[in-house]
Amino acid sequence: MSHSPEHRPSSSTAPRPPHRDVSDLFSGGRLAVIPRKVARREQLLAHLTDTLFAADREYTEPEVNDALRTVHEDCAALRRYLITSGRLVRTRDGRAYRRAATTL
């Protein structure tokens, strides 16, 4: 009896990340450059969100900056991209940051 590939069980318990590998953007553990192309930058932002920020934790701006500086010196640009992409949300007063709830 052969198994059809269409009937493989899907892993619905763990959603598959919608982004491809971003390791080529890094050199020695540091981000070499922030991608200009929006789609590639979104892949990077998804990676940074997943690896640097816990889903159930609130962060201060200095904590966000410190986390982002572990990969690139321009933490302000990365923080801004994370906010405008909707991956991080911040309180109105700017004192607290949190990962956005994922919709995918």
C-alpha atoms as a PDB file:
ATOM      1  CA  MET A   1       0.000   0.000   0.000  1.00  0.00           C
ATOM      2  CA  SER A   2       1.488   3.345  -0.978  1.00  0.00           C
ATOM      3  CA  HIS A   3       1.002   6.560   0.931  1.00  0.00           C
ATOM      4  CA  SER A   4      -0.079   9.586  -1.008  1.00  0.00           C
ATOM      5  CA  PRO A   5       1.841  12.776  -0.172  1.00  0.00           C
ATOM      6  CA  GLU A   6      -1.484  14.616  -0.012  1.00  0.00           C
ATOM      7  CA  HIS A   7      -2.443  12.663   3.098  1.00  0.00           C
ATOM      8  CA  ARG A   8       0.586  13.407   5.197  1.00  0.00           C
ATOM      9  CA  PRO A   9      -0.349  14.603   8.642  1.00  0.00           C
ATOM     10  CA  SER A  10       0.179  18.306   9.074  1.00  0.00           C
ATOM     11  CA  SER A  11       1.729  19.702  12.212  1.00  0.00           C
ATOM     12  CA  SER A  12      -1.105  22.006  13.185  1.00  0.00           C
ATOM     13  CA  THR A  13       0.215  22.279  16.740  1.00  0.00           C
ATOM     14  CA  ALA A  14       3.252  24.313  15.686  1.00  0.00           C
ATOM     15  CA  PRO A  15       2.718  26.901  12.943  1.00  0.00           C
ATOM     16  CA  ARG A  16       5.439  26.984  10.355  1.00  0.00           C
ATOM     17  CA  PRO A  17       7.273  30.316  10.185  1.00  0.00           C
ATOM     18  CA  PRO A  18       6.399  32.196   6.984  1.00  0.00           C
ATOM     19  CA  HIS A  19       9.961  33.400   6.487  1.00  0.00           C
ATOM     20  CA  ARG A  20      13.013  31.825   4.950  1.00  0.00           C
ATOM     21  CA  ASP A  21      16.443  31.509   6.472  1.00  0.00           C
ATOM     22  CA  VAL A  22      18.139  34.852   7.146  1.00  0.00           C
ATOM     23  CA  SER A  23      21.557  33.505   8.132  1.00  0.00           C
ATOM     24  CA  ASP A  24      23.101  35.024   4.988  1.00  0.00           C
ATOM     25  CA  LEU A  25      22.358  38.487   6.447  1.00  0.00           C
ATOM     26  CA  PHE A  26      24.637  37.802   9.413  1.00  0.00           C
ATOM     27  CA  SER A  27      28.398  37.632   9.756  1.00  0.00           C
ATOM     28  CA  GLY A  28      29.958  36.489  13.021  1.00  0.00           C
ATOM     29  CA  GLY A  29      26.586  36.663  14.766  1.00  0.00           C
ATOM     30  CA  ARG A  30      26.084  40.288  13.744  1.00  0.00           C
ATOM     31  CA  LEU A  31      23.693  41.677  11.172  1.00  0.00           C
ATOM     32  CA  ALA A  32      25.847  42.814   8.247  1.00  0.00           C
ATOM     33  CA  VAL A  33      23.237  45.134   6.748  1.00  0.00           C
ATOM     34  CA  ILE A  34      19.559  45.947   7.193  1.00  0.00           C
ATOM     35  CA  PRO A  35      17.918  44.840   3.933  1.00  0.00           C
ATOM     36  CA  ARG A  36      16.437  47.574   1.730  1.00  0.00           C
ATOM     37  CA  LYS A  37      13.923  45.273   0.056  1.00  0.00           C
ATOM     38  CA  VAL A  38      10.757  45.235   2.131  1.00  0.00           C
ATOM     39  CA  ALA A  39      10.075  41.496   1.766  1.00  0.00           C
ATOM     40  CA  ARG A  40      13.596  40.547   2.866  1.00  0.00           C
ATOM     41  CA  ARG A  41      13.498  43.074   5.720  1.00  0.00           C
ATOM     42  CA  GLU A  42      10.189  41.545   6.883  1.00  0.00           C
ATOM     43  CA  GLN A  43      11.890  38.142   6.985  1.00  0.00           C
ATOM     44  CA  LEU A  44      14.644  39.642   9.123  1.00  0.00           C
ATOM     45  CA  LEU A  45      12.144  41.356  11.436  1.00  0.00           C
ATOM     46  CA  ALA A  46      10.252  38.083  11.912  1.00  0.00           C
ATOM     47  CA  HIS A  47      13.543  36.397  12.820  1.00  0.00           C
ATOM     48  CA  LEU A  48      14.522  39.149  15.270  1.00  0.00           C
ATOM     49  CA  THR A  49      11.102  39.099  16.896  1.00  0.00           C
ATOM     50  CA  ASP A  50      11.201  35.316  17.301  1.00  0.00           C
ATOM     51  CA  THR A  51      14.741  35.184  18.638  1.00  0.00           C
ATOM     52  CA  LEU A  52      15.078  38.340  20.746  1.00  0.00           C
ATOM     53  CA  PHE A  53      11.668  38.931  22.325  1.00  0.00           C
ATOM     54  CA  ALA A  54       9.555  36.601  24.460  1.00  0.00           C
ATOM     55  CA  ALA A  55       5.859  36.561  23.600  1.00  0.00           C
ATOM     56  CA  ASP A  56       4.697  36.916  27.196  1.00  0.00           C
ATOM     57  CA  ARG A  57       6.984  39.681  28.411  1.00  0.00           C
ATOM     58  CA  GLU A  58       6.938  43.470  28.521  1.00  0.00           C
ATOM     59  CA  TYR A  59      10.161  45.367  27.724  1.00  0.00           C
ATOM     60  CA  THR A  60      11.382  48.875  28.439  1.00  0.00           C
ATOM     61  CA  GLU A  61      12.918  50.871  25.589  1.00  0.00           C
ATOM     62  CA  PRO A  62      16.453  50.375  26.968  1.00  0.00           C
ATOM     63  CA  GLU A  63      15.827  46.608  27.101  1.00  0.00           C
ATOM     64  CA  VAL A  64      14.609  46.608  23.479  1.00  0.00           C
ATOM     65  CA  ASN A  65      17.664  48.649  22.456  1.00  0.00           C
ATOM     66  CA  ASP A  66      20.050  46.337  24.319  1.00  0.00           C
ATOM     67  CA  ALA A  67      18.517  43.264  22.671  1.00  0.00           C
ATOM     68  CA  LEU A  68      18.750  44.821  19.204  1.00  0.00           C
ATOM     69  CA  ARG A  69      22.342  45.996  19.796  1.00  0.00           C
ATOM     70  CA  THR A  70      23.353  42.351  20.187  1.00  0.00           C
ATOM     71  CA  VAL A  71      22.908  42.059  16.415  1.00  0.00           C
ATOM     72  CA  HIS A  72      23.340  45.613  15.022  1.00  0.00           C
ATOM     73  CA  GLU A  73      24.435  49.040  16.268  1.00  0.00           C
ATOM     74  CA  ASP A  74      21.499  50.909  14.697  1.00  0.00           C
ATOM     75  CA  CYS A  75      18.993  49.749  17.297  1.00  0.00           C
ATOM     76  CA  ALA A  76      16.785  52.805  16.688  1.00  0.00           C
ATOM     77  CA  ALA A  77      16.215  51.882  13.033  1.00  0.00           C
ATOM     78  CA  LEU A  78      15.519  48.242  13.888  1.00  0.00           C
ATOM     79  CA  ARG A  79      13.147  49.256  16.701  1.00  0.00           C
ATOM     80  CA  ARG A  80      11.310  51.620  14.351  1.00  0.00           C
ATOM     81  CA  TYR A  81      10.990  48.884  11.703  1.00  0.00           C
ATOM     82  CA  LEU A  82       9.651  46.448  14.314  1.00  0.00           C
ATOM     83  CA  ILE A  83       7.034  48.997  15.419  1.00  0.00           C
ATOM     84  CA  THR A  84       5.942  50.060  11.923  1.00  0.00           C
ATOM     85  CA  SER A  85       5.744  46.431  10.781  1.00  0.00           C
ATOM     86  CA  GLY A  86       3.440  45.683  13.721  1.00  0.00           C
ATOM     87  CA  ARG A  87       5.751  43.056  15.219  1.00  0.00           C
ATOM     88  CA  LEU A  88       6.309  45.087  18.390  1.00  0.00           C
ATOM     89  CA  VAL A  89       3.695  47.323  19.955  1.00  0.00           C
ATOM     90  CA  ARG A  90       4.400  50.099  22.406  1.00  0.00           C
ATOM     91  CA  THR A  91       2.257  51.841  24.946  1.00  0.00           C
ATOM     92  CA  ARG A  92       1.046  55.355  24.170  1.00  0.00           C
ATOM     93  CA  ASP A  93       3.565  56.836  26.596  1.00  0.00           C
ATOM     94  CA  GLY A  94       6.395  54.828  24.975  1.00  0.00           C
ATOM     95  CA  ARG A  95       7.485  53.248  28.251  1.00  0.00           C
ATOM     96  CA  ALA A  96       6.672  49.628  27.459  1.00  0.00           C
ATOM     97  CA  TYR A  97       7.069  47.375  24.438  1.00  0.00           C
ATOM     98  CA  ARG A  98       5.593  43.946  23.806  1.00  0.00           C
ATOM     99  CA  ARG A  99       5.494  41.444  20.974  1.00  0.00           C
ATOM    100  CA  ALA A 100       2.318  41.796  18.978  1.00  0.00           C
ATOM    101  CA  ALA A 101      -0.101  38.892  19.016  1.00  0.00           C
ATOM    102  CA  THR A 102       0.517  36.793  15.927  1.00  0.00           C
ATOM    103  CA  THR A 103      -2.287  36.437  13.435  1.00  0.00           C
ATOM    104  CA  LEU A 104      -0.668  33.843  11.152  1.00  0.00           C
END
